[in-house]
Structure formats: structure tokens, C-alpha cells
Amino acid sequence: MTTARLPLFPLNVVLFPGLVLPLNVFEERYRAMMRELLKTDEDEPRRFAVVAIRDGRETAPTALGMPDEVNATAGRGPADGFGPDPLQSFHRVGCVADAAKIRERPDGSFEVLATGTTRVRLLSVDASGPFLTAELEELDEEPGEEAGALAEGVLRAFHSYRKRLAGASERSLTTNAELPDDPSVVSYLVAAAAVLDVPVKQRLLQAPDTATRLREELTLLRSETAVIRHLPSLPAVDLTHAPTHPN
């Protein structure tokens, strides 16, 4: 297995390969990370790893709502909010992100647009620098048995799920023809777009192969669609919009 050491960005979200992640970076530990990434040559990927938080806070306890100058000078360490052993605070499977856009604002915060690329397993976390870094092991994506047939079933179930979620408004839906047909891409797209909590998304991310992920998604989509059918007042949800995540 290939290993690498990368900056580590813990979030209360699961990032999947191929999916876009917008970030609003305002804490000093993550500003330092972005400043370091900006030193990378423009023709080289600006990579960092995203892991979902198992136990801890995405931001330091007083960061949200505080002025930027307070956040920047609070003197918080890179592991603040994650306990004495940060490794225990994170899920062990995450995703490498490639920051296609890093824009520094006049106040020193950053607007970042990144895309998930490769699944990784978290081996160790280093909190000795200005931001967290991690030793990571790349995870291969195995297709598993009957991934193609499962992907077709998941796409059909996903279309029904979105139709129910959107209140059966066909105009708000894209058609199956516009969705990908590669089983692994389908599995990641559906995992990211479905309205599921972090532990469930994390379980899908770390599935041993594409077919296993698709089987679980098929079960989840059918179950969620059945529940939504009995909730006629459920508001429509825009599945194509990814919210910006504050650090």
C-alpha cells in the first residue's frame, strides 16, 4: 500500500472521491495549513486529507460567531477540541482532497474549493506543528461482485428517492440519463447526495468494495423512500447544493 504524510482537516462531514467540498477557513490552525498549501507549485496538486470527527469539535469552542481577529490570536493549538490523543477523535477512513481554489480574503481567512480524490486510512496524527498532519495509507477501490447490476438498481432507487423527497416535482429532478454509469462513481455520488447522518455516510465511505456500498445504499434508499412516503409535509431538499463548511 502507498503511504503519504499530508495536512489533516477534520470536519463534521464525510468527503467522498469525486465530490466537491467548499470551505470557509477562519481558524489560525487551518489558515496556516492553507498558507502552506499555497507554497505548492501551481502545476502540482494542493493536497490535504479530510476525516470525519468521531468525538470532538470542528471548531474551537469559542470560534463560531467570534470576530476574525479574535480567532486568529486566540493561541489555540492544532489539536484543540480533539482531546489528548487526536487519533482517537477521528474516523479512521477519510479522503484526500485537492484544493483547486484557495483564495485569501483581506481579513486573512480563506475561501477554499476542494475535490475528493482518493480514500485513505488514518495511521497516525502529528500535532507538533502549526496544524495537524497525518500519515495515511491509500485504499484501493475494489468493484466486488455484480457491481454493475447493483449500480443500475441504485440509480433507479435514487431517482424514486429524490422524487419523493422533492414532492414528486419532476422539474426539480435530473434524469437517470444524466447520472454516471460507472459503479464506483454512482456509489460515491449517491452516498454524498442522500440525506443521511455522518455515521451512516462514514460506513458507506469505508465499505470494503463498491458492490458492498451499493447493496447498503439500495437498502437505505428503499427504506428512506418508504418513510418519506408517509411524510407528505416534508420540505423539498436540494440534493445538488453542497453547503460551505466552516472549520
C-alpha atoms as a PDB file:
ATOM      1  CA  MET A   1       0.000   0.000   0.000  1.00  0.00           C
ATOM      2  CA  THR A   2       1.131   3.548  -0.758  1.00  0.00           C
ATOM      3  CA  THR A   3       1.544   5.826   2.261  1.00  0.00           C
ATOM      4  CA  ALA A   4       1.818   9.596   2.452  1.00  0.00           C
ATOM      5  CA  ARG A   5       2.005  12.374   5.017  1.00  0.00           C
ATOM      6  CA  LEU A   6      -0.473  15.219   4.440  1.00  0.00           C
ATOM      7  CA  PRO A   7      -2.084  18.101   6.316  1.00  0.00           C
ATOM      8  CA  LEU A   8      -5.199  16.902   8.126  1.00  0.00           C
ATOM      9  CA  PHE A   9      -8.507  18.777   8.114  1.00  0.00           C
ATOM     10  CA  PRO A  10     -11.084  17.206  10.475  1.00  0.00           C
ATOM     11  CA  LEU A  11     -14.712  18.084   9.720  1.00  0.00           C
ATOM     12  CA  ASN A  12     -18.222  17.110  10.789  1.00  0.00           C
ATOM     13  CA  VAL A  13     -18.784  15.835   7.276  1.00  0.00           C
ATOM     14  CA  VAL A  14     -17.761  12.825   5.169  1.00  0.00           C
ATOM     15  CA  LEU A  15     -15.975  13.631   1.916  1.00  0.00           C
ATOM     16  CA  PHE A  16     -16.233  11.128  -0.957  1.00  0.00           C
ATOM     17  CA  PRO A  17     -13.972  10.771  -4.017  1.00  0.00           C
ATOM     18  CA  GLY A  18     -15.156  12.947  -6.884  1.00  0.00           C
ATOM     19  CA  LEU A  19     -17.296  15.214  -4.718  1.00  0.00           C
ATOM     20  CA  VAL A  20     -16.727  18.957  -4.278  1.00  0.00           C
ATOM     21  CA  LEU A  21     -16.156  20.457  -0.840  1.00  0.00           C
ATOM     22  CA  PRO A  22     -16.355  24.240  -0.289  1.00  0.00           C
ATOM     23  CA  LEU A  23     -14.681  25.510   2.896  1.00  0.00           C
ATOM     24  CA  ASN A  24     -14.679  28.769   4.806  1.00  0.00           C
ATOM     25  CA  VAL A  25     -11.348  28.747   6.650  1.00  0.00           C
ATOM     26  CA  PHE A  26     -11.032  31.181   9.550  1.00  0.00           C
ATOM     27  CA  GLU A  27      -9.219  29.465  12.448  1.00  0.00           C
ATOM     28  CA  GLU A  28      -5.488  30.134  12.618  1.00  0.00           C
ATOM     29  CA  ARG A  29      -4.503  26.455  12.552  1.00  0.00           C
ATOM     30  CA  TYR A  30      -6.313  26.000   9.243  1.00  0.00           C
ATOM     31  CA  ARG A  31      -5.181  29.360   7.888  1.00  0.00           C
ATOM     32  CA  ALA A  32      -1.618  28.145   8.482  1.00  0.00           C
ATOM     33  CA  MET A  33      -2.468  24.989   6.544  1.00  0.00           C
ATOM     34  CA  MET A  34      -3.751  26.990   3.584  1.00  0.00           C
ATOM     35  CA  ARG A  35      -0.718  29.269   3.607  1.00  0.00           C
ATOM     36  CA  GLU A  36       1.480  26.175   3.453  1.00  0.00           C
ATOM     37  CA  LEU A  37      -0.565  24.690   0.610  1.00  0.00           C
ATOM     38  CA  LEU A  38      -0.193  27.929  -1.341  1.00  0.00           C
ATOM     39  CA  LYS A  39       3.562  27.337  -1.369  1.00  0.00           C
ATOM     40  CA  THR A  40       2.964  24.329  -3.626  1.00  0.00           C
ATOM     41  CA  ASP A  41       3.769  24.915  -7.304  1.00  0.00           C
ATOM     42  CA  GLU A  42       0.664  25.796  -9.309  1.00  0.00           C
ATOM     43  CA  ASP A  43       1.073  22.745 -11.545  1.00  0.00           C
ATOM     44  CA  GLU A  44       1.192  20.419  -8.515  1.00  0.00           C
ATOM     45  CA  PRO A  45      -1.904  19.250  -6.562  1.00  0.00           C
ATOM     46  CA  ARG A  46      -2.515  21.043  -3.265  1.00  0.00           C
ATOM     47  CA  ARG A  47      -3.499  18.026  -1.242  1.00  0.00           C
ATOM     48  CA  PHE A  48      -4.787  17.602   2.279  1.00  0.00           C
ATOM     49  CA  ALA A  49      -6.776  14.869   3.970  1.00  0.00           C
ATOM     50  CA  VAL A  50     -10.324  15.216   5.279  1.00  0.00           C
ATOM     51  CA  VAL A  51     -11.537  12.936   8.064  1.00  0.00           C
ATOM     52  CA  ALA A  52     -14.898  12.937   9.810  1.00  0.00           C
ATOM     53  CA  ILE A  53     -14.848  13.759  13.507  1.00  0.00           C
ATOM     54  CA  ARG A  54     -15.950  10.930  15.753  1.00  0.00           C
ATOM     55  CA  ASP A  55     -15.595  12.791  19.064  1.00  0.00           C
ATOM     56  CA  GLY A  56     -14.721  16.476  19.192  1.00  0.00           C
ATOM     57  CA  ARG A  57     -15.471  19.843  17.640  1.00  0.00           C
ATOM     58  CA  GLU A  58     -14.997  21.095  14.101  1.00  0.00           C
ATOM     59  CA  THR A  59     -14.117  24.500  15.543  1.00  0.00           C
ATOM     60  CA  ALA A  60     -12.513  25.535  18.806  1.00  0.00           C
ATOM     61  CA  PRO A  61     -15.211  26.066  21.487  1.00  0.00           C
ATOM     62  CA  THR A  62     -15.484  29.861  21.151  1.00  0.00           C
ATOM     63  CA  ALA A  63     -14.692  30.227  17.442  1.00  0.00           C
ATOM     64  CA  LEU A  64     -18.159  30.365  15.892  1.00  0.00           C
ATOM     65  CA  GLY A  65     -19.529  33.879  15.851  1.00  0.00           C
ATOM     66  CA  MET A  66     -16.330  35.422  17.158  1.00  0.00           C
ATOM     67  CA  PRO A  67     -14.573  38.190  15.213  1.00  0.00           C
ATOM     68  CA  ASP A  68     -11.803  37.012  12.905  1.00  0.00           C
ATOM     69  CA  GLU A  69      -9.150  38.909  14.832  1.00  0.00           C
ATOM     70  CA  VAL A  70     -10.137  37.035  17.994  1.00  0.00           C
ATOM     71  CA  ASN A  71      -9.954  33.672  16.272  1.00  0.00           C
ATOM     72  CA  ALA A  72      -6.602  34.495  14.732  1.00  0.00           C
ATOM     73  CA  THR A  73      -4.955  35.464  18.022  1.00  0.00           C
ATOM     74  CA  ALA A  74      -6.560  33.003  20.430  1.00  0.00           C
ATOM     75  CA  GLY A  75      -3.415  30.860  20.595  1.00  0.00           C
ATOM     76  CA  ARG A  76      -5.236  27.572  20.175  1.00  0.00           C
ATOM     77  CA  GLY A  77      -3.138  24.553  19.315  1.00  0.00           C
ATOM     78  CA  PRO A  78      -3.632  22.342  16.257  1.00  0.00           C
ATOM     79  CA  ALA A  79      -5.316  19.585  18.289  1.00  0.00           C
ATOM     80  CA  ASP A  80      -7.645  21.789  20.367  1.00  0.00           C
ATOM     81  CA  GLY A  81     -11.100  20.262  20.683  1.00  0.00           C
ATOM     82  CA  PHE A  82      -9.859  16.742  19.897  1.00  0.00           C
ATOM     83  CA  GLY A  83      -8.605  15.532  23.280  1.00  0.00           C
ATOM     84  CA  PRO A  84      -5.151  14.333  24.367  1.00  0.00           C
ATOM     85  CA  ASP A  85      -4.937  11.751  21.553  1.00  0.00           C
ATOM     86  CA  PRO A  86      -6.429  13.248  18.361  1.00  0.00           C
ATOM     87  CA  LEU A  87      -6.229   9.927  16.529  1.00  0.00           C
ATOM     88  CA  GLN A  88      -8.990   8.580  18.778  1.00  0.00           C
ATOM     89  CA  SER A  89     -11.255  11.522  17.907  1.00  0.00           C
ATOM     90  CA  PHE A  90     -11.407  10.804  14.188  1.00  0.00           C
ATOM     91  CA  HIS A  91     -12.877   8.100  11.997  1.00  0.00           C
ATOM     92  CA  ARG A  92     -10.024   6.069  10.577  1.00  0.00           C
ATOM     93  CA  VAL A  93     -11.061   6.194   6.900  1.00  0.00           C
ATOM     94  CA  GLY A  94     -11.093   9.559   5.149  1.00  0.00           C
ATOM     95  CA  CYS A  95     -10.498  11.091   1.748  1.00  0.00           C
ATOM     96  CA  VAL A  96      -7.698  13.089   0.154  1.00  0.00           C
ATOM     97  CA  ALA A  97      -8.837  16.488  -1.111  1.00  0.00           C
ATOM     98  CA  ASP A  98      -7.253  18.508  -3.910  1.00  0.00           C
ATOM     99  CA  ALA A  99      -7.718  22.249  -3.402  1.00  0.00           C
ATOM    100  CA  ALA A 100      -8.360  23.643  -6.872  1.00  0.00           C
ATOM    101  CA  LYS A 101      -9.098  27.089  -5.430  1.00  0.00           C
ATOM    102  CA  ILE A 102      -7.581  28.794  -2.393  1.00  0.00           C
ATOM    103  CA  ARG A 103      -8.435  32.486  -2.144  1.00  0.00           C
ATOM    104  CA  GLU A 104      -7.211  34.605   0.739  1.00  0.00           C
ATOM    105  CA  ARG A 105      -9.574  37.337   1.895  1.00  0.00           C
ATOM    106  CA  PRO A 106      -8.429  40.748   3.185  1.00  0.00           C
ATOM    107  CA  ASP A 107      -9.065  39.637   6.800  1.00  0.00           C
ATOM    108  CA  GLY A 108      -6.702  36.673   6.416  1.00  0.00           C
ATOM    109  CA  SER A 109      -9.392  33.982   6.182  1.00  0.00           C
ATOM    110  CA  PHE A 110      -9.617  31.737   3.131  1.00  0.00           C
ATOM    111  CA  GLU A 111     -12.238  30.601   0.655  1.00  0.00           C
ATOM    112  CA  VAL A 112     -11.382  27.090  -0.495  1.00  0.00           C
ATOM    113  CA  LEU A 113     -12.888  24.802  -3.097  1.00  0.00           C
ATOM    114  CA  ALA A 114     -11.586  21.238  -2.970  1.00  0.00           C
ATOM    115  CA  THR A 115     -12.470  17.930  -4.605  1.00  0.00           C
ATOM    116  CA  GLY A 116     -12.213  14.490  -3.050  1.00  0.00           C
ATOM    117  CA  THR A 117      -9.803  12.174  -4.860  1.00  0.00           C
ATOM    118  CA  THR A 118      -8.710   9.005  -3.022  1.00  0.00           C
ATOM    119  CA  ARG A 119      -9.840   7.111   0.064  1.00  0.00           C
ATOM    120  CA  VAL A 120      -7.199   6.795   2.767  1.00  0.00           C
ATOM    121  CA  ARG A 121      -6.793   5.093   6.134  1.00  0.00           C
ATOM    122  CA  LEU A 122      -5.542   7.218   9.002  1.00  0.00           C
ATOM    123  CA  LEU A 123      -2.442   5.626  10.571  1.00  0.00           C
ATOM    124  CA  SER A 124      -1.155   8.357  12.891  1.00  0.00           C
ATOM    125  CA  VAL A 125      -1.681  12.034  13.715  1.00  0.00           C
ATOM    126  CA  ASP A 126       1.079  14.577  14.450  1.00  0.00           C
ATOM    127  CA  ALA A 127       0.121  17.701  16.431  1.00  0.00           C
ATOM    128  CA  SER A 128       3.637  19.129  16.822  1.00  0.00           C
ATOM    129  CA  GLY A 129       3.345  21.756  14.092  1.00  0.00           C
ATOM    130  CA  PRO A 130       1.022  24.717  13.460  1.00  0.00           C
ATOM    131  CA  PHE A 131      -1.634  22.369  12.055  1.00  0.00           C
ATOM    132  CA  LEU A 132      -2.371  18.654  12.222  1.00  0.00           C
ATOM    133  CA  THR A 133      -0.621  16.312   9.817  1.00  0.00           C
ATOM    134  CA  ALA A 134      -1.261  12.609   9.340  1.00  0.00           C
ATOM    135  CA  GLU A 135       0.373   9.511   7.987  1.00  0.00           C
ATOM    136  CA  LEU A 136      -2.079   7.938   5.578  1.00  0.00           C
ATOM    137  CA  GLU A 137      -2.432   4.714   3.644  1.00  0.00           C
ATOM    138  CA  GLU A 138      -4.208   4.774   0.282  1.00  0.00           C
ATOM    139  CA  LEU A 139      -7.149   2.386  -0.071  1.00  0.00           C
ATOM    140  CA  ASP A 140      -7.843   0.672  -3.370  1.00  0.00           C
ATOM    141  CA  GLU A 141     -11.419   0.622  -4.643  1.00  0.00           C
ATOM    142  CA  GLU A 142     -12.347  -2.964  -5.486  1.00  0.00           C
ATOM    143  CA  PRO A 143     -15.502  -3.476  -7.606  1.00  0.00           C
ATOM    144  CA  GLY A 144     -16.877  -6.544  -5.820  1.00  0.00           C
ATOM    145  CA  GLU A 145     -19.428  -8.913  -7.320  1.00  0.00           C
ATOM    146  CA  GLU A 146     -22.311  -7.670  -9.500  1.00  0.00           C
ATOM    147  CA  ALA A 147     -21.364  -4.002  -9.052  1.00  0.00           C
ATOM    148  CA  GLY A 148     -22.751  -3.072 -12.487  1.00  0.00           C
ATOM    149  CA  ALA A 149     -26.195  -4.572 -11.889  1.00  0.00           C
ATOM    150  CA  LEU A 150     -26.313  -3.101  -8.390  1.00  0.00           C
ATOM    151  CA  ALA A 151     -25.454   0.356  -9.732  1.00  0.00           C
ATOM    152  CA  GLU A 152     -28.425   0.208 -12.099  1.00  0.00           C
ATOM    153  CA  GLY A 153     -30.719  -0.702  -9.227  1.00  0.00           C
ATOM    154  CA  VAL A 154     -29.307   2.045  -7.026  1.00  0.00           C
ATOM    155  CA  LEU A 155     -29.842   4.649  -9.740  1.00  0.00           C
ATOM    156  CA  ARG A 156     -33.488   3.614 -10.088  1.00  0.00           C
ATOM    157  CA  ALA A 157     -33.956   3.683  -6.316  1.00  0.00           C
ATOM    158  CA  PHE A 158     -32.164   7.030  -6.089  1.00  0.00           C
ATOM    159  CA  HIS A 159     -34.471   8.544  -8.693  1.00  0.00           C
ATOM    160  CA  SER A 160     -37.531   7.378  -6.736  1.00  0.00           C
ATOM    161  CA  TYR A 161     -35.990   8.666  -3.514  1.00  0.00           C
ATOM    162  CA  ARG A 162     -35.334  12.125  -4.948  1.00  0.00           C
ATOM    163  CA  LYS A 163     -38.785  12.210  -6.500  1.00  0.00           C
ATOM    164  CA  ARG A 164     -40.367  11.569  -3.094  1.00  0.00           C
ATOM    165  CA  LEU A 165     -38.024  13.997  -1.369  1.00  0.00           C
ATOM    166  CA  ALA A 166     -38.817  16.752  -3.857  1.00  0.00           C
ATOM    167  CA  GLY A 167     -42.552  16.218  -3.536  1.00  0.00           C
ATOM    168  CA  ALA A 168     -42.815  14.447  -6.911  1.00  0.00           C
ATOM    169  CA  SER A 169     -41.857  17.625  -8.797  1.00  0.00           C
ATOM    170  CA  GLU A 170     -40.301  16.183 -11.946  1.00  0.00           C
ATOM    171  CA  ARG A 171     -38.981  19.585 -12.991  1.00  0.00           C
ATOM    172  CA  SER A 172     -36.674  19.653  -9.966  1.00  0.00           C
ATOM    173  CA  LEU A 173     -35.020  16.341 -10.882  1.00  0.00           C
ATOM    174  CA  THR A 174     -32.304  15.363 -13.295  1.00  0.00           C
ATOM    175  CA  THR A 175     -32.934  12.221 -15.273  1.00  0.00           C
ATOM    176  CA  ASN A 176     -31.090   8.958 -14.892  1.00  0.00           C
ATOM    177  CA  ALA A 177     -29.508   9.559 -18.305  1.00  0.00           C
ATOM    178  CA  GLU A 178     -27.608  12.496 -16.801  1.00  0.00           C
ATOM    179  CA  LEU A 179     -26.211  10.413 -13.959  1.00  0.00           C
ATOM    180  CA  PRO A 180     -22.930   8.467 -14.261  1.00  0.00           C
ATOM    181  CA  ASP A 181     -22.852   4.774 -15.109  1.00  0.00           C
ATOM    182  CA  ASP A 182     -19.522   3.832 -13.503  1.00  0.00           C
ATOM    183  CA  PRO A 183     -20.480   1.766 -10.424  1.00  0.00           C
ATOM    184  CA  SER A 184     -17.910   3.316  -8.075  1.00  0.00           C
ATOM    185  CA  VAL A 185     -18.843   6.852  -9.160  1.00  0.00           C
ATOM    186  CA  VAL A 186     -22.529   6.017  -8.682  1.00  0.00           C
ATOM    187  CA  SER A 187     -21.832   4.650  -5.212  1.00  0.00           C
ATOM    188  CA  TYR A 188     -19.988   7.790  -4.111  1.00  0.00           C
ATOM    189  CA  LEU A 189     -22.478  10.212  -5.693  1.00  0.00           C
ATOM    190  CA  VAL A 190     -25.453   8.556  -4.019  1.00  0.00           C
ATOM    191  CA  ALA A 191     -23.648   8.316  -0.673  1.00  0.00           C
ATOM    192  CA  ALA A 192     -22.883  12.034  -0.785  1.00  0.00           C
ATOM    193  CA  ALA A 193     -26.278  13.188  -2.058  1.00  0.00           C
ATOM    194  CA  ALA A 194     -28.593  11.139   0.132  1.00  0.00           C
ATOM    195  CA  VAL A 195     -29.791  12.785   3.335  1.00  0.00           C
ATOM    196  CA  LEU A 196     -28.023  10.541   5.835  1.00  0.00           C
ATOM    197  CA  ASP A 197     -26.234  11.244   9.089  1.00  0.00           C
ATOM    198  CA  VAL A 198     -22.453  11.194   9.411  1.00  0.00           C
ATOM    199  CA  PRO A 199     -22.088   7.674  10.899  1.00  0.00           C
ATOM    200  CA  VAL A 200     -24.059   6.165   8.012  1.00  0.00           C
ATOM    201  CA  LYS A 201     -22.091   8.117   5.398  1.00  0.00           C
ATOM    202  CA  GLN A 202     -18.888   7.082   7.119  1.00  0.00           C
ATOM    203  CA  ARG A 203     -19.924   3.441   6.946  1.00  0.00           C
ATOM    204  CA  LEU A 204     -20.528   3.838   3.213  1.00  0.00           C
ATOM    205  CA  LEU A 205     -17.148   5.512   2.684  1.00  0.00           C
ATOM    206  CA  GLN A 206     -15.275   2.673   4.359  1.00  0.00           C
ATOM    207  CA  ALA A 207     -17.179  -0.159   2.665  1.00  0.00           C
ATOM    208  CA  PRO A 208     -14.707  -2.861   1.557  1.00  0.00           C
ATOM    209  CA  ASP A 209     -15.761  -2.668  -2.099  1.00  0.00           C
ATOM    210  CA  THR A 210     -18.142  -0.891  -4.472  1.00  0.00           C
ATOM    211  CA  ALA A 211     -20.697  -3.708  -4.538  1.00  0.00           C
ATOM    212  CA  THR A 212     -20.989  -3.728  -0.742  1.00  0.00           C
ATOM    213  CA  ARG A 213     -21.526   0.029  -0.723  1.00  0.00           C
ATOM    214  CA  LEU A 214     -24.167  -0.210  -3.454  1.00  0.00           C
ATOM    215  CA  ARG A 215     -26.038  -3.006  -1.649  1.00  0.00           C
ATOM    216  CA  GLU A 216     -26.240  -0.941   1.511  1.00  0.00           C
ATOM    217  CA  GLU A 217     -27.329   2.120  -0.461  1.00  0.00           C
ATOM    218  CA  LEU A 218     -30.087   0.140  -2.132  1.00  0.00           C
ATOM    219  CA  THR A 219     -31.404  -0.924   1.276  1.00  0.00           C
ATOM    220  CA  LEU A 220     -31.114   2.613   2.667  1.00  0.00           C
ATOM    221  CA  LEU A 221     -32.795   4.265  -0.314  1.00  0.00           C
ATOM    222  CA  ARG A 222     -35.742   1.872  -0.271  1.00  0.00           C
ATOM    223  CA  SER A 223     -36.149   2.349   3.474  1.00  0.00           C
ATOM    224  CA  GLU A 224     -35.879   6.147   3.312  1.00  0.00           C
ATOM    225  CA  THR A 225     -38.289   6.332   0.360  1.00  0.00           C
ATOM    226  CA  ALA A 226     -40.844   4.298   2.304  1.00  0.00           C
ATOM    227  CA  VAL A 227     -40.519   6.638   5.282  1.00  0.00           C
ATOM    228  CA  ILE A 228     -40.818   9.773   3.141  1.00  0.00           C
ATOM    229  CA  ARG A 229     -43.967   8.372   1.525  1.00  0.00           C
ATOM    230  CA  HIS A 230     -45.691   8.766   4.896  1.00  0.00           C
ATOM    231  CA  LEU A 231     -44.412  12.322   5.445  1.00  0.00           C
ATOM    232  CA  PRO A 232     -46.272  14.428   2.851  1.00  0.00           C
ATOM    233  CA  SER A 233     -45.307  17.700   4.535  1.00  0.00           C
ATOM    234  CA  LEU A 234     -41.554  17.043   4.235  1.00  0.00           C
ATOM    235  CA  PRO A 235     -39.941  20.114   2.617  1.00  0.00           C
ATOM    236  CA  ALA A 236     -38.043  19.730  -0.629  1.00  0.00           C
ATOM    237  CA  VAL A 237     -34.297  19.338  -0.333  1.00  0.00           C
ATOM    238  CA  ASP A 238     -31.810  20.498  -2.955  1.00  0.00           C
ATOM    239  CA  LEU A 239     -29.529  17.481  -3.355  1.00  0.00           C
ATOM    240  CA  THR A 240     -27.166  19.267  -5.734  1.00  0.00           C
ATOM    241  CA  HIS A 241     -26.151  22.030  -3.337  1.00  0.00           C
ATOM    242  CA  ALA A 242     -23.211  21.460  -1.014  1.00  0.00           C
ATOM    243  CA  PRO A 243     -23.100  23.861   1.930  1.00  0.00           C
ATOM    244  CA  THR A 244     -19.910  25.653   2.808  1.00  0.00           C
ATOM    245  CA  HIS A 245     -18.305  24.092   5.854  1.00  0.00           C
ATOM    246  CA  PRO A 246     -16.736  26.388   8.443  1.00  0.00           C
ATOM    247  CA  ASN A 247     -13.613  24.980  10.023  1.00  0.00           C
END
